[in-house]
């Protein structure tokens, strides 16, 4: 029982000592430069007596005394450690003022990417590399787009973006920066009155274009209709010209049979009478009135000429 108690007490003391001493020992080792921890997306630059002693960009546990030797034990006391963020950064500059070739006041929005590519140049080549890069992008944008025709400024953003990037990239590399994508994201008018005037011009232009399209459509329809009418008139004229020939050929075939021809002419005569205003009275064949009418008709055939003689 006593042995078990001693064992538990020793275990507790060891745990407490380890719990308290381990962070203390780890802190002392790190303080004296035995090791350091580099996080993902960062770079450590160690400077001793004004000179760069070591640059570490690989993430993880780094044993400094293996890389710097004895300098590692004094660099925290006599030197400096700079921690830089090397992740890709994005910036956007709004409404940079430029004037088009026509004198229109324009605002340009430019978006760009950047990252630290050389930690040493970033620290020592420029006092404010971020601000200098932003100013360089701004100046290059204004120089590239100033006095550019308004139509090109509104329609050629990709070309303008490449031009700005090609001008800024060499200078940014001198400052330890790598410039990523550059894009002219927005082109807008800065004068409200001019915006209103342009809107009115666009609306009027759209009306003119719409009216021209409608007129062109009406002209095309008129041409098509006229052509169709002419073609129809030609075909009707051809049919009218062929009608006498067709009718003549039909009559020749009909008159070849006397009975058929007689019946046809009687039908045509009857149709002519029915279509006119002639009054027709139908009487039975053996009617007395009919006989008198026929006799009177025969007598009328004997007429006198103008001298009183019978003919």
Protein backbone atom coordinates (compact mmCIF):
# COMPACT_ATOMS: atom_id res chain seq x y z
CA UNK A 1 0.00 0.00 0.00
CA UNK A 2 2.82 2.39 0.90
CA UNK A 3 4.63 1.62 -2.36
CA UNK A 4 1.50 2.39 -4.34
CA UNK A 5 1.11 5.73 -2.60
CA UNK A 6 4.74 6.64 -3.32
CA UNK A 7 4.23 5.72 -6.96
CA UNK A 8 1.09 7.84 -7.29
CA UNK A 9 2.78 10.79 -5.59
CA UNK A 10 5.80 10.54 -7.87
CA UNK A 11 3.52 10.35 -10.90
CA UNK A 12 1.59 13.42 -9.81
CA UNK A 13 4.76 15.39 -9.13
CA UNK A 14 6.20 14.39 -12.54
CA UNK A 15 3.00 15.43 -14.30
CA UNK A 16 2.91 18.80 -12.54
CA UNK A 17 6.59 19.46 -13.18
CA UNK A 18 6.25 18.49 -16.85
CA UNK A 19 3.07 20.55 -17.22
CA UNK A 20 4.76 23.61 -15.77
CA UNK A 21 8.29 23.19 -17.02
CA UNK A 22 7.60 22.08 -20.62
CA UNK A 23 6.22 25.42 -21.81
CA UNK A 24 8.93 27.20 -19.89
CA UNK A 25 11.68 25.09 -21.44
CA UNK A 26 10.15 25.43 -24.91
CA UNK A 27 9.94 29.19 -24.50
CA UNK A 28 13.54 29.43 -23.36
CA UNK A 29 14.74 27.33 -26.30
CA UNK A 30 12.84 29.53 -28.73
CA UNK A 31 14.01 32.68 -27.00
CA UNK A 32 17.63 31.67 -27.36
CA UNK A 33 17.14 30.84 -31.03
CA UNK A 34 17.39 27.10 -30.88
CA UNK A 35 14.30 26.73 -33.07
CA UNK A 36 11.46 28.73 -34.61
CA UNK A 37 8.06 27.92 -36.18
CA UNK A 38 7.22 29.32 -39.61
CA UNK A 39 3.52 29.37 -40.42
CA UNK A 40 2.03 28.64 -43.84
CA UNK A 41 2.00 31.69 -46.14
CA UNK A 42 4.70 33.59 -44.22
CA UNK A 43 8.41 34.22 -44.54
CA UNK A 44 10.88 34.97 -41.73
CA UNK A 45 13.82 37.28 -42.33
CA UNK A 46 16.50 37.33 -39.61
CA UNK A 47 18.76 40.37 -39.50
CA UNK A 48 21.91 40.67 -37.36
CA UNK A 49 24.01 43.84 -37.19
CA UNK A 50 22.23 45.30 -40.22
CA UNK A 51 22.84 42.27 -42.43
CA UNK A 52 20.48 39.50 -43.46
CA UNK A 53 21.53 36.35 -41.64
CA UNK A 54 18.78 33.97 -42.80
CA UNK A 55 15.56 33.87 -44.85
CA UNK A 56 13.12 31.03 -44.14
CA UNK A 57 10.05 30.58 -46.36
CA UNK A 58 9.40 26.88 -45.78
CA UNK A 59 6.61 26.34 -43.22
CA UNK A 60 7.09 24.16 -40.14
CA UNK A 61 9.60 23.69 -37.31
CA UNK A 62 12.96 25.23 -38.16
CA UNK A 63 16.13 24.48 -36.17
CA UNK A 64 17.90 27.80 -36.49
CA UNK A 65 21.18 26.72 -34.91
CA UNK A 66 21.62 24.20 -37.72
CA UNK A 67 21.16 26.92 -40.36
CA UNK A 68 22.86 29.92 -38.74
CA UNK A 69 25.21 28.35 -36.27
CA UNK A 70 26.11 30.40 -33.17
CA UNK A 71 24.28 33.46 -34.54
CA UNK A 72 21.00 31.73 -33.72
CA UNK A 73 21.62 32.08 -29.96
CA UNK A 74 22.04 35.87 -30.06
CA UNK A 75 19.86 36.97 -32.98
CA UNK A 76 16.82 37.39 -30.75
CA UNK A 77 18.82 39.66 -28.45
CA UNK A 78 21.01 41.60 -30.84
CA UNK A 79 19.12 41.28 -34.13
CA UNK A 80 15.61 41.41 -35.62
CA UNK A 81 13.13 38.92 -36.97
CA UNK A 82 10.71 40.16 -39.69
CA UNK A 83 7.61 38.09 -40.41
CA UNK A 84 6.15 38.79 -43.87
CA UNK A 85 2.82 37.68 -45.31
CA UNK A 86 3.58 36.04 -48.67
CA UNK A 87 0.00 35.11 -49.56
CA UNK A 88 -1.68 36.55 -52.66
CA UNK A 89 -3.21 39.94 -51.89
CA UNK A 90 -5.87 41.82 -53.88
CA UNK A 91 -6.38 45.56 -54.09
CA UNK A 92 -8.93 47.79 -55.81
CA UNK A 93 -8.51 51.48 -56.61
CA UNK A 94 -11.73 53.37 -57.28
CA UNK A 95 -12.52 56.19 -59.69
CA UNK A 96 -9.05 57.24 -60.84
CA UNK A 97 -9.59 60.53 -62.73
CA UNK A 98 -8.74 60.61 -66.45
CA UNK A 99 -9.97 62.59 -69.45
CA UNK A 100 -10.86 61.03 -72.78
CA UNK A 101 -9.68 62.37 -76.13
CA UNK A 102 -13.04 64.15 -76.44
CA UNK A 103 -12.52 65.85 -73.07
CA UNK A 104 -15.03 63.75 -71.14
CA UNK A 105 -14.10 63.41 -67.42
CA UNK A 106 -13.97 59.68 -66.70
CA UNK A 107 -13.43 57.56 -63.60
CA UNK A 108 -11.43 54.32 -63.79
CA UNK A 109 -11.59 51.45 -61.33
CA UNK A 110 -8.58 49.13 -61.46
CA UNK A 111 -8.21 45.79 -59.65
CA UNK A 112 -4.87 44.03 -59.25
CA UNK A 113 -3.21 41.09 -57.46
CA UNK A 114 0.19 41.09 -55.77
CA UNK A 115 2.36 38.96 -53.50
CA UNK A 116 5.78 39.20 -51.89
CA UNK A 117 8.23 37.35 -54.14
CA UNK A 118 11.54 38.49 -52.63
CA UNK A 119 11.36 39.19 -48.87
CA UNK A 120 14.77 40.90 -48.75
CA UNK A 121 14.01 43.35 -51.57
CA UNK A 122 10.58 43.96 -50.07
CA UNK A 123 12.13 44.96 -46.74
CA UNK A 124 15.10 47.00 -47.91
CA UNK A 125 14.50 48.31 -51.46
CA UNK A 126 11.53 50.52 -50.59
CA UNK A 127 10.34 52.06 -47.34
CA UNK A 128 6.64 51.59 -48.26
CA UNK A 129 6.43 48.98 -51.02
CA UNK A 130 2.64 48.54 -50.79
CA UNK A 131 1.99 52.26 -51.06
CA UNK A 132 4.56 52.64 -53.83
CA UNK A 133 3.03 49.80 -55.81
CA UNK A 134 -0.47 51.29 -55.43
CA UNK A 135 0.83 54.68 -56.60
CA UNK A 136 2.63 53.03 -59.52
CA UNK A 137 -0.56 51.23 -60.62
CA UNK A 138 -2.54 54.45 -60.31
CA UNK A 139 -0.03 56.50 -62.31
CA UNK A 140 0.30 53.84 -65.01
CA UNK A 141 -3.49 53.65 -65.36
CA UNK A 142 -3.83 57.42 -65.72
CA UNK A 143 -0.96 57.63 -68.24
CA UNK A 144 -2.28 54.74 -70.31
CA UNK A 145 -5.90 55.86 -70.49
CA UNK A 146 -5.56 59.64 -70.65
CA UNK A 147 -6.48 61.16 -74.02
CA UNK A 148 -7.73 57.80 -75.27
CA UNK A 149 -10.80 57.88 -77.55
CA UNK A 150 -13.97 57.37 -75.55
CA UNK A 151 -15.09 54.36 -77.62
CA UNK A 152 -11.75 52.59 -77.04
CA UNK A 153 -11.87 53.42 -73.35
CA UNK A 154 -15.30 51.78 -73.03
CA UNK A 155 -14.66 48.74 -75.25
CA UNK A 156 -10.97 47.72 -74.93
CA UNK A 157 -10.56 46.99 -71.22
CA UNK A 158 -8.46 43.87 -71.77
CA UNK A 159 -5.98 45.77 -73.93
CA UNK A 160 -5.75 48.58 -71.37
CA UNK A 161 -5.27 46.08 -68.54
CA UNK A 162 -2.35 44.41 -70.30
CA UNK A 163 -0.77 47.80 -71.00
CA UNK A 164 -0.97 48.82 -67.33
CA UNK A 165 0.47 45.50 -66.15
CA UNK A 166 3.37 45.60 -68.60
CA UNK A 167 4.33 49.06 -67.32
CA UNK A 168 4.02 48.28 -63.59
CA UNK A 169 5.53 44.76 -63.45
CA UNK A 170 9.25 45.66 -63.88
CA UNK A 171 9.14 48.25 -61.10
CA UNK A 172 7.19 45.98 -58.74
CA UNK A 173 9.79 43.23 -59.15
CA UNK A 174 12.50 45.67 -58.05
CA UNK A 175 10.58 46.17 -54.81
CA UNK A 176 10.23 42.44 -54.11
CA UNK A 177 6.66 42.22 -55.37
CA UNK A 178 5.22 39.94 -58.02
CA UNK A 179 2.31 41.57 -59.77
CA UNK A 180 -0.49 39.16 -60.67
CA UNK A 181 -3.56 39.96 -62.75
CA UNK A 182 -4.45 43.57 -63.51
CA UNK A 183 -7.94 44.37 -64.74
CA UNK A 184 -9.68 47.63 -65.61
CA UNK A 185 -12.89 46.73 -63.84
CA UNK A 186 -14.99 49.86 -64.23
CA UNK A 187 -15.11 52.84 -66.59
CA UNK A 188 -17.70 55.48 -65.74
CA UNK A 189 -18.50 59.16 -66.26
CA UNK A 190 -17.73 61.49 -63.37
CA UNK A 191 -19.98 64.37 -64.55
CA UNK A 192 -23.69 63.79 -63.75
CA UNK A 193 -24.86 66.27 -66.42
CA UNK A 194 -22.74 64.57 -69.03
CA UNK A 195 -24.17 61.20 -68.02
CA UNK A 196 -27.67 62.59 -68.58
CA UNK A 197 -26.71 64.02 -71.97
CA UNK A 198 -25.16 60.75 -73.05
CA UNK A 199 -28.22 58.83 -71.92
CA UNK A 200 -30.40 61.14 -74.01
CA UNK A 201 -28.11 60.67 -77.01
CA UNK A 202 -28.22 56.90 -76.58
CA UNK A 203 -32.03 56.93 -76.35
CA UNK A 204 -32.32 59.13 -79.45
CA UNK A 205 -29.88 56.92 -81.30
CA UNK A 206 -31.85 53.83 -80.36
CA UNK A 207 -35.02 55.49 -81.61
CA UNK A 208 -33.34 56.36 -84.90
CA UNK A 209 -32.04 52.83 -85.32
CA UNK A 210 -35.46 51.37 -84.48
CA UNK A 211 -37.19 53.69 -86.93
CA UNK A 212 -34.66 52.83 -89.64
CA UNK A 213 -35.18 49.11 -89.02
CA UNK A 214 -38.94 49.51 -89.24
CA UNK A 215 -38.69 51.57 -92.44
CA UNK A 216 -36.33 49.04 -93.97
CA UNK A 217 -38.75 46.26 -93.08
CA UNK A 218 -41.67 48.18 -94.61
CA UNK A 219 -39.65 48.82 -97.79
CA UNK A 220 -38.77 45.14 -98.06
CA UNK A 221 -42.42 44.13 -97.57
CA UNK A 222 -43.48 46.67 -100.22
CA UNK A 223 -40.93 45.32 -102.68
CA UNK A 224 -42.01 41.75 -102.04
CA UNK A 225 -45.70 42.71 -102.43
CA UNK A 226 -45.04 44.63 -105.65
CA UNK A 227 -43.08 41.74 -107.08
CA UNK A 228 -45.87 39.32 -106.15
CA UNK A 229 -48.49 41.61 -107.69
CA UNK A 230 -46.48 41.89 -110.91
CA UNK A 231 -46.01 38.16 -111.09
CA UNK A 232 -49.74 37.57 -110.46
CA UNK A 233 -50.69 40.13 -113.13
CA UNK A 234 -48.41 38.42 -115.64
CA UNK A 235 -49.93 35.02 -114.87
CA UNK A 236 -53.48 36.37 -115.12
CA UNK A 237 -52.64 38.02 -118.47
CA UNK A 238 -51.26 34.74 -119.73
CA UNK A 239 -54.43 32.94 -118.63
CA UNK A 240 -56.64 35.61 -120.25
CA UNK A 241 -54.69 35.32 -123.48
CA UNK A 242 -55.13 31.56 -123.51
CA UNK A 243 -58.86 31.71 -122.78
CA UNK A 244 -60.10 32.24 -126.41
CA UNK A 245 -57.95 29.38 -127.59
CA UNK A 246 -59.25 27.05 -124.88
CA UNK A 247 -62.88 28.10 -125.49
CA UNK A 248 -62.46 27.70 -129.27
CA UNK A 249 -61.02 24.22 -128.91
CA UNK A 250 -63.89 23.29 -126.57
CA UNK A 251 -66.51 24.61 -129.04
CA UNK A 252 -64.93 22.68 -131.89
CA UNK A 253 -65.22 19.48 -129.89
CA UNK A 254 -68.84 20.27 -128.93
CA UNK A 255 -70.04 21.26 -132.43
CA UNK A 256 -68.71 18.02 -133.82
CA UNK A 257 -71.96 16.49 -132.49
CA UNK A 258 -75.02 18.47 -133.78
CA UNK A 259 -77.36 17.29 -131.04
CA UNK A 260 -74.96 18.30 -128.31
CA UNK A 261 -74.35 21.66 -129.99
CA UNK A 262 -78.11 22.34 -130.34
CA UNK A 263 -78.70 21.51 -126.67
CA UNK A 264 -75.79 23.72 -125.61
CA UNK A 265 -76.99 26.73 -127.60
CA UNK A 266 -80.50 26.34 -126.19
CA UNK A 267 -79.09 26.30 -122.67
CA UNK A 268 -76.98 29.38 -123.39
CA UNK A 269 -79.99 31.16 -124.91
CA UNK A 270 -82.09 30.32 -121.86
CA UNK A 271 -79.35 31.59 -119.51
CA UNK A 272 -79.21 34.84 -121.50
CA UNK A 273 -82.95 35.30 -121.16
CA UNK A 274 -82.92 34.55 -117.46
CA UNK A 275 -80.06 36.94 -116.79
CA UNK A 276 -81.84 39.82 -118.61
CA UNK A 277 -85.12 41.62 -117.78
CA UNK A 278 -87.11 39.80 -120.47
CA UNK A 279 -90.64 38.75 -119.43
CA UNK A 280 -91.46 35.17 -120.42
CA UNK A 281 -94.96 33.69 -120.58
CA UNK A 282 -95.30 29.94 -120.90
CA UNK A 283 -98.46 28.51 -122.64
CA UNK A 284 -99.49 24.96 -123.45
CA UNK A 285 -98.82 23.83 -126.98
CA UNK A 286 -102.51 23.22 -127.96
CA UNK A 287 -103.86 26.40 -126.38
CA UNK A 288 -106.14 28.52 -128.62
CA UNK A 289 -104.51 31.72 -127.53
CA UNK A 290 -101.21 30.27 -128.58
CA UNK A 291 -102.61 29.55 -132.09
CA UNK A 292 -103.92 33.09 -132.45
CA UNK A 293 -100.56 34.47 -131.32
CA UNK A 294 -98.72 32.35 -133.84
CA UNK A 295 -101.15 33.39 -136.63
CA UNK A 296 -100.75 37.03 -135.77
CA UNK A 297 -97.01 36.67 -135.79
CA UNK A 298 -97.23 35.18 -139.29
CA UNK A 299 -99.38 38.06 -140.52
CA UNK A 300 -96.96 40.63 -139.22
CA UNK A 301 -94.33 39.20 -141.44
CA UNK A 302 -96.16 40.92 -144.36
CA UNK A 303 -95.15 44.53 -143.89
CA UNK A 304 -95.07 47.57 -146.04
CA UNK A 305 -92.03 49.52 -147.05
CA UNK A 306 -91.80 53.32 -146.84
CA UNK A 307 -93.63 53.90 -150.22
CA UNK A 308 -96.69 51.96 -149.15
CA UNK A 309 -95.91 48.85 -151.19
CA UNK A 310 -95.97 45.48 -149.62
CA UNK A 311 -92.77 43.59 -149.36
